[in-house]
Amino acid sequence: KLDSEFWRKLDAATRATIEQALRRVYLDSAAALLADIPIGANWGQINVAASEWAQRYTYDLVSGIDNTTREALQKFVPAFYDLAGTTMADLKRQLADLFGTVRADSIAVTETTRASVEGQRRTVEDIRKSGVVMRAQWITDRDETVCPLCQPLDGQQAAENGQYLTDTGLRVGPPPRHVNCRCNEAWSLEEV
């Protein structure tokens, strides 16, 4: 049986791995958004926001591990993580040691989608403070694996509250809409 110190170290290593990946996706997403829009931004604030969000969100995500998952983790525990993971494949591989391949893939896809959307949305919030109005549009990968939940949302412009209207009349928030969601948002300047 493993002691509490083992679990504390495992939780810390897991948080560090996931936090680093989410922070990077958040920042990459903000940079991509700003590259398409002729507006300056305060990168100091964006970096602080990325770190704060990734740290807070990762803590909530990892804190959700229950005893059943901990028992499963005993089978996959790595000695420690290489914290220099820079690609989706690296993240999946690191998580697979803890969660198995299928669950690791789901966590990596879903959570990097969430970090990407969050990076864009928070950057847009900062831009709006300077009086610039932007509007989001739901974007799927437009391939054969797009799900029936997201496909009808492709190309739809978000309402002013940031929500989207499904074909059944349900209002939903931004991507990810479900586990393994690869959707994103495209932003444009709103004409005044």
C-alpha atoms as a PDB file:
ATOM      1  CA  LYS A   1       0.000   0.000   0.000  1.00  0.00           C
ATOM      2  CA  LEU A   2       1.262   3.457  -0.915  1.00  0.00           C
ATOM      3  CA  ASP A   3       1.523   6.206   1.682  1.00  0.00           C
ATOM      4  CA  SER A   4       0.119   9.745   1.539  1.00  0.00           C
ATOM      5  CA  GLU A   5       3.508  11.224   0.611  1.00  0.00           C
ATOM      6  CA  PHE A   6       3.498   9.146  -2.570  1.00  0.00           C
ATOM      7  CA  TRP A   7       0.049  10.537  -3.508  1.00  0.00           C
ATOM      8  CA  ARG A   8       1.104  14.102  -2.671  1.00  0.00           C
ATOM      9  CA  LYS A   9       4.112  13.789  -5.000  1.00  0.00           C
ATOM     10  CA  LEU A  10       2.024  12.144  -7.710  1.00  0.00           C
ATOM     11  CA  ASP A  11      -0.625  14.877  -7.489  1.00  0.00           C
ATOM     12  CA  ALA A  12       2.084  17.573  -7.681  1.00  0.00           C
ATOM     13  CA  ALA A  13       3.763  15.918 -10.698  1.00  0.00           C
ATOM     14  CA  THR A  14       0.445  15.433 -12.455  1.00  0.00           C
ATOM     15  CA  ARG A  15      -0.584  19.055 -11.841  1.00  0.00           C
ATOM     16  CA  ALA A  16       2.761  20.344 -13.090  1.00  0.00           C
ATOM     17  CA  THR A  17       2.566  18.310 -16.301  1.00  0.00           C
ATOM     18  CA  ILE A  18      -1.011  19.268 -17.119  1.00  0.00           C
ATOM     19  CA  GLU A  19      -0.602  22.893 -16.012  1.00  0.00           C
ATOM     20  CA  GLN A  20       2.421  23.403 -18.255  1.00  0.00           C
ATOM     21  CA  ALA A  21       0.609  21.990 -21.286  1.00  0.00           C
ATOM     22  CA  LEU A  22      -2.580  23.991 -20.671  1.00  0.00           C
ATOM     23  CA  ARG A  23      -0.647  27.231 -20.114  1.00  0.00           C
ATOM     24  CA  ARG A  24       1.212  26.707 -23.402  1.00  0.00           C
ATOM     25  CA  VAL A  25      -2.003  26.027 -25.355  1.00  0.00           C
ATOM     26  CA  TYR A  26      -3.674  29.069 -23.739  1.00  0.00           C
ATOM     27  CA  LEU A  27      -0.785  31.324 -24.772  1.00  0.00           C
ATOM     28  CA  ASP A  28      -0.489  29.838 -28.275  1.00  0.00           C
ATOM     29  CA  SER A  29      -4.208  30.378 -28.769  1.00  0.00           C
ATOM     30  CA  ALA A  30      -4.010  34.002 -27.605  1.00  0.00           C
ATOM     31  CA  ALA A  31      -1.038  34.609 -29.922  1.00  0.00           C
ATOM     32  CA  ALA A  32      -2.869  33.088 -32.905  1.00  0.00           C
ATOM     33  CA  LEU A  33      -5.917  35.247 -32.204  1.00  0.00           C
ATOM     34  CA  LEU A  34      -3.847  38.427 -31.955  1.00  0.00           C
ATOM     35  CA  ALA A  35      -1.878  37.583 -35.113  1.00  0.00           C
ATOM     36  CA  ASP A  36      -5.129  37.774 -37.093  1.00  0.00           C
ATOM     37  CA  ILE A  37      -6.335  41.039 -35.578  1.00  0.00           C
ATOM     38  CA  PRO A  38      -4.527  44.380 -35.951  1.00  0.00           C
ATOM     39  CA  ILE A  39      -4.669  45.231 -32.231  1.00  0.00           C
ATOM     40  CA  GLY A  40      -1.934  45.510 -29.637  1.00  0.00           C
ATOM     41  CA  ALA A  41      -2.153  43.549 -26.388  1.00  0.00           C
ATOM     42  CA  ASN A  42      -0.512  43.527 -22.990  1.00  0.00           C
ATOM     43  CA  TRP A  43       1.399  40.223 -23.059  1.00  0.00           C
ATOM     44  CA  GLY A  44       2.350  40.617 -19.413  1.00  0.00           C
ATOM     45  CA  GLN A  45      -1.332  40.465 -18.465  1.00  0.00           C
ATOM     46  CA  ILE A  46      -1.975  37.607 -20.887  1.00  0.00           C
ATOM     47  CA  ASN A  47       0.888  35.567 -19.394  1.00  0.00           C
ATOM     48  CA  VAL A  48      -0.326  36.200 -15.839  1.00  0.00           C
ATOM     49  CA  ALA A  49      -3.894  35.270 -16.821  1.00  0.00           C
ATOM     50  CA  ALA A  50      -2.666  32.090 -18.535  1.00  0.00           C
ATOM     51  CA  SER A  51      -0.697  31.000 -15.481  1.00  0.00           C
ATOM     52  CA  GLU A  52      -3.494  31.800 -13.051  1.00  0.00           C
ATOM     53  CA  TRP A  53      -6.132  30.024 -15.134  1.00  0.00           C
ATOM     54  CA  ALA A  54      -3.993  26.934 -15.784  1.00  0.00           C
ATOM     55  CA  GLN A  55      -3.034  26.644 -12.121  1.00  0.00           C
ATOM     56  CA  ARG A  56      -6.602  27.060 -10.861  1.00  0.00           C
ATOM     57  CA  TYR A  57      -8.172  24.811 -13.489  1.00  0.00           C
ATOM     58  CA  THR A  58      -5.509  22.095 -13.168  1.00  0.00           C
ATOM     59  CA  TYR A  59      -5.968  22.010  -9.398  1.00  0.00           C
ATOM     60  CA  ASP A  60      -9.712  21.431  -9.814  1.00  0.00           C
ATOM     61  CA  LEU A  61      -9.140  18.803 -12.509  1.00  0.00           C
ATOM     62  CA  VAL A  62      -6.545  16.817 -10.573  1.00  0.00           C
ATOM     63  CA  SER A  63      -8.354  17.191  -7.252  1.00  0.00           C
ATOM     64  CA  GLY A  64     -11.235  15.246  -8.799  1.00  0.00           C
ATOM     65  CA  ILE A  65      -9.252  12.013  -8.700  1.00  0.00           C
ATOM     66  CA  ASP A  66     -11.129   9.539  -6.536  1.00  0.00           C
ATOM     67  CA  ASN A  67     -10.071   6.344  -4.754  1.00  0.00           C
ATOM     68  CA  THR A  68     -11.068   4.165  -7.707  1.00  0.00           C
ATOM     69  CA  THR A  69      -8.831   6.192  -9.988  1.00  0.00           C
ATOM     70  CA  ARG A  70      -6.053   6.090  -7.410  1.00  0.00           C
ATOM     71  CA  GLU A  71      -6.247   2.299  -7.344  1.00  0.00           C
ATOM     72  CA  ALA A  72      -6.004   2.267 -11.143  1.00  0.00           C
ATOM     73  CA  LEU A  73      -3.061   4.674 -10.962  1.00  0.00           C
ATOM     74  CA  GLN A  74      -1.106   2.140  -8.920  1.00  0.00           C
ATOM     75  CA  LYS A  75      -0.823   0.059 -12.080  1.00  0.00           C
ATOM     76  CA  PHE A  76       0.512   2.909 -14.237  1.00  0.00           C
ATOM     77  CA  VAL A  77       2.601   5.069 -11.916  1.00  0.00           C
ATOM     78  CA  PRO A  78       5.699   6.465 -13.588  1.00  0.00           C
ATOM     79  CA  ALA A  79       8.751   7.326 -11.535  1.00  0.00           C
ATOM     80  CA  PHE A  80       8.444  11.002 -12.401  1.00  0.00           C
ATOM     81  CA  TYR A  81       7.524  13.118 -15.402  1.00  0.00           C
ATOM     82  CA  ASP A  82       9.636  14.869 -17.931  1.00  0.00           C
ATOM     83  CA  LEU A  83       8.226  18.380 -17.503  1.00  0.00           C
ATOM     84  CA  ALA A  84       9.494  19.509 -20.914  1.00  0.00           C
ATOM     85  CA  GLY A  85       6.553  18.001 -22.854  1.00  0.00           C
ATOM     86  CA  THR A  86       5.837  20.237 -25.809  1.00  0.00           C
ATOM     87  CA  THR A  87       3.470  18.340 -28.087  1.00  0.00           C
ATOM     88  CA  MET A  88       0.053  16.721 -27.861  1.00  0.00           C
ATOM     89  CA  ALA A  89       1.757  13.337 -28.315  1.00  0.00           C
ATOM     90  CA  ASP A  90       4.045  14.064 -25.360  1.00  0.00           C
ATOM     91  CA  LEU A  91       1.096  15.064 -23.186  1.00  0.00           C
ATOM     92  CA  LYS A  92      -0.867  11.936 -24.178  1.00  0.00           C
ATOM     93  CA  ARG A  93       2.133   9.748 -23.446  1.00  0.00           C
ATOM     94  CA  GLN A  94       2.644  11.317 -20.006  1.00  0.00           C
ATOM     95  CA  LEU A  95      -1.028  11.011 -19.116  1.00  0.00           C
ATOM     96  CA  ALA A  96      -1.207   7.444 -20.466  1.00  0.00           C
ATOM     97  CA  ASP A  97       1.176   6.356 -17.734  1.00  0.00           C
ATOM     98  CA  LEU A  98      -1.438   7.485 -15.215  1.00  0.00           C
ATOM     99  CA  PHE A  99      -4.766   6.947 -16.929  1.00  0.00           C
ATOM    100  CA  GLY A 100      -4.234   4.449 -19.747  1.00  0.00           C
ATOM    101  CA  THR A 101      -4.155   5.341 -23.432  1.00  0.00           C
ATOM    102  CA  VAL A 102      -7.860   5.878 -24.088  1.00  0.00           C
ATOM    103  CA  ARG A 103      -8.505   8.098 -21.070  1.00  0.00           C
ATOM    104  CA  ALA A 104      -5.214   9.953 -21.569  1.00  0.00           C
ATOM    105  CA  ASP A 105      -6.135  10.734 -25.172  1.00  0.00           C
ATOM    106  CA  SER A 106      -9.547  12.005 -24.054  1.00  0.00           C
ATOM    107  CA  ILE A 107      -8.071  14.190 -21.315  1.00  0.00           C
ATOM    108  CA  ALA A 108      -5.396  15.620 -23.635  1.00  0.00           C
ATOM    109  CA  VAL A 109      -7.818  16.469 -26.471  1.00  0.00           C
ATOM    110  CA  THR A 110     -10.597  17.829 -24.261  1.00  0.00           C
ATOM    111  CA  GLU A 111      -8.415  19.884 -21.942  1.00  0.00           C
ATOM    112  CA  THR A 112      -6.198  21.402 -24.628  1.00  0.00           C
ATOM    113  CA  THR A 113      -9.397  22.389 -26.470  1.00  0.00           C
ATOM    114  CA  ARG A 114     -10.636  24.016 -23.253  1.00  0.00           C
ATOM    115  CA  ALA A 115      -7.314  25.851 -22.748  1.00  0.00           C
ATOM    116  CA  SER A 116      -7.306  27.086 -26.348  1.00  0.00           C
ATOM    117  CA  VAL A 117     -10.837  28.464 -26.133  1.00  0.00           C
ATOM    118  CA  GLU A 118     -10.173  29.938 -22.690  1.00  0.00           C
ATOM    119  CA  GLY A 119      -7.016  31.674 -23.967  1.00  0.00           C
ATOM    120  CA  GLN A 120      -8.948  33.267 -26.796  1.00  0.00           C
ATOM    121  CA  ARG A 121     -11.942  34.260 -24.661  1.00  0.00           C
ATOM    122  CA  ARG A 122      -9.857  35.875 -21.928  1.00  0.00           C
ATOM    123  CA  THR A 123      -7.769  37.726 -24.494  1.00  0.00           C
ATOM    124  CA  VAL A 124     -10.949  39.004 -26.153  1.00  0.00           C
ATOM    125  CA  GLU A 125     -12.231  40.150 -22.725  1.00  0.00           C
ATOM    126  CA  ASP A 126      -9.078  42.244 -22.304  1.00  0.00           C
ATOM    127  CA  ILE A 127      -9.418  43.665 -25.822  1.00  0.00           C
ATOM    128  CA  ARG A 128     -13.064  44.603 -25.142  1.00  0.00           C
ATOM    129  CA  LYS A 129     -11.920  46.794 -22.244  1.00  0.00           C
ATOM    130  CA  SER A 130     -10.360  49.097 -24.833  1.00  0.00           C
ATOM    131  CA  GLY A 131     -13.693  49.419 -26.644  1.00  0.00           C
ATOM    132  CA  VAL A 132     -13.100  46.887 -29.418  1.00  0.00           C
ATOM    133  CA  VAL A 133     -16.043  44.533 -29.922  1.00  0.00           C
ATOM    134  CA  MET A 134     -15.433  41.021 -31.215  1.00  0.00           C
ATOM    135  CA  ARG A 135     -17.737  38.108 -31.902  1.00  0.00           C
ATOM    136  CA  ALA A 136     -17.023  34.374 -31.813  1.00  0.00           C
ATOM    137  CA  GLN A 137     -18.020  31.784 -34.352  1.00  0.00           C
ATOM    138  CA  TRP A 138     -18.127  28.013 -33.657  1.00  0.00           C
ATOM    139  CA  ILE A 139     -15.646  26.114 -35.803  1.00  0.00           C
ATOM    140  CA  THR A 140     -15.409  22.331 -36.188  1.00  0.00           C
ATOM    141  CA  ASP A 141     -12.500  20.506 -37.797  1.00  0.00           C
ATOM    142  CA  ARG A 142     -14.832  19.908 -40.758  1.00  0.00           C
ATOM    143  CA  ASP A 143     -13.746  16.324 -41.237  1.00  0.00           C
ATOM    144  CA  GLU A 144     -15.368  12.891 -41.110  1.00  0.00           C
ATOM    145  CA  THR A 145     -14.998  12.608 -37.326  1.00  0.00           C
ATOM    146  CA  VAL A 146     -16.983  15.731 -36.398  1.00  0.00           C
ATOM    147  CA  CYS A 147     -19.771  14.582 -34.092  1.00  0.00           C
ATOM    148  CA  PRO A 148     -23.514  15.113 -34.613  1.00  0.00           C
ATOM    149  CA  LEU A 149     -23.623  17.396 -31.539  1.00  0.00           C
ATOM    150  CA  CYS A 150     -21.120  19.890 -32.916  1.00  0.00           C
ATOM    151  CA  GLN A 151     -21.641  19.660 -36.670  1.00  0.00           C
ATOM    152  CA  PRO A 152     -24.859  21.779 -36.648  1.00  0.00           C
ATOM    153  CA  LEU A 153     -23.018  24.500 -34.692  1.00  0.00           C
ATOM    154  CA  ASP A 154     -20.260  24.849 -37.303  1.00  0.00           C
ATOM    155  CA  GLY A 155     -20.158  28.424 -38.542  1.00  0.00           C
ATOM    156  CA  GLN A 156     -22.748  29.696 -36.067  1.00  0.00           C
ATOM    157  CA  GLN A 157     -22.042  33.096 -34.531  1.00  0.00           C
ATOM    158  CA  ALA A 158     -22.238  33.302 -30.736  1.00  0.00           C
ATOM    159  CA  ALA A 159     -24.907  35.436 -29.118  1.00  0.00           C
ATOM    160  CA  GLU A 160     -23.751  38.496 -27.171  1.00  0.00           C
ATOM    161  CA  ASN A 161     -23.669  36.374 -24.004  1.00  0.00           C
ATOM    162  CA  GLY A 162     -21.155  34.030 -25.694  1.00  0.00           C
ATOM    163  CA  GLN A 163     -23.577  31.123 -26.012  1.00  0.00           C
ATOM    164  CA  TYR A 164     -24.659  29.177 -29.054  1.00  0.00           C
ATOM    165  CA  LEU A 165     -28.115  27.896 -29.942  1.00  0.00           C
ATOM    166  CA  THR A 166     -28.379  24.204 -30.853  1.00  0.00           C
ATOM    167  CA  ASP A 167     -30.796  22.850 -33.452  1.00  0.00           C
ATOM    168  CA  THR A 168     -33.012  21.686 -30.559  1.00  0.00           C
ATOM    169  CA  GLY A 169     -33.156  25.165 -29.026  1.00  0.00           C
ATOM    170  CA  LEU A 170     -30.708  24.437 -26.206  1.00  0.00           C
ATOM    171  CA  ARG A 171     -28.201  27.170 -25.383  1.00  0.00           C
ATOM    172  CA  VAL A 172     -24.646  25.894 -24.917  1.00  0.00           C
ATOM    173  CA  GLY A 173     -21.394  27.525 -23.938  1.00  0.00           C
ATOM    174  CA  PRO A 174     -18.180  27.508 -25.935  1.00  0.00           C
ATOM    175  CA  PRO A 175     -16.177  24.399 -26.846  1.00  0.00           C
ATOM    176  CA  PRO A 176     -15.455  21.816 -25.655  1.00  0.00           C
ATOM    177  CA  ARG A 177     -19.031  20.604 -25.760  1.00  0.00           C
ATOM    178  CA  HIS A 178     -18.158  17.019 -24.797  1.00  0.00           C
ATOM    179  CA  VAL A 179     -15.222  14.706 -24.113  1.00  0.00           C
ATOM    180  CA  ASN A 180     -12.873  14.536 -27.135  1.00  0.00           C
ATOM    181  CA  CYS A 181     -14.334  17.733 -28.617  1.00  0.00           C
ATOM    182  CA  ARG A 182     -11.859  19.285 -31.076  1.00  0.00           C
ATOM    183  CA  CYS A 183     -13.948  22.363 -31.905  1.00  0.00           C
ATOM    184  CA  ASN A 184     -12.736  25.900 -31.480  1.00  0.00           C
ATOM    185  CA  GLU A 185     -13.870  29.439 -32.026  1.00  0.00           C
ATOM    186  CA  ALA A 186     -12.871  31.931 -34.701  1.00  0.00           C
ATOM    187  CA  TRP A 187     -13.051  35.605 -33.744  1.00  0.00           C
ATOM    188  CA  SER A 188     -13.750  38.637 -35.861  1.00  0.00           C
ATOM    189  CA  LEU A 189     -14.114  42.332 -35.255  1.00  0.00           C
ATOM    190  CA  GLU A 190     -17.755  43.304 -34.992  1.00  0.00           C
ATOM    191  CA  GLU A 191     -18.807  46.055 -37.333  1.00  0.00           C
ATOM    192  CA  VAL A 192     -20.169  49.090 -35.507  1.00  0.00           C
END
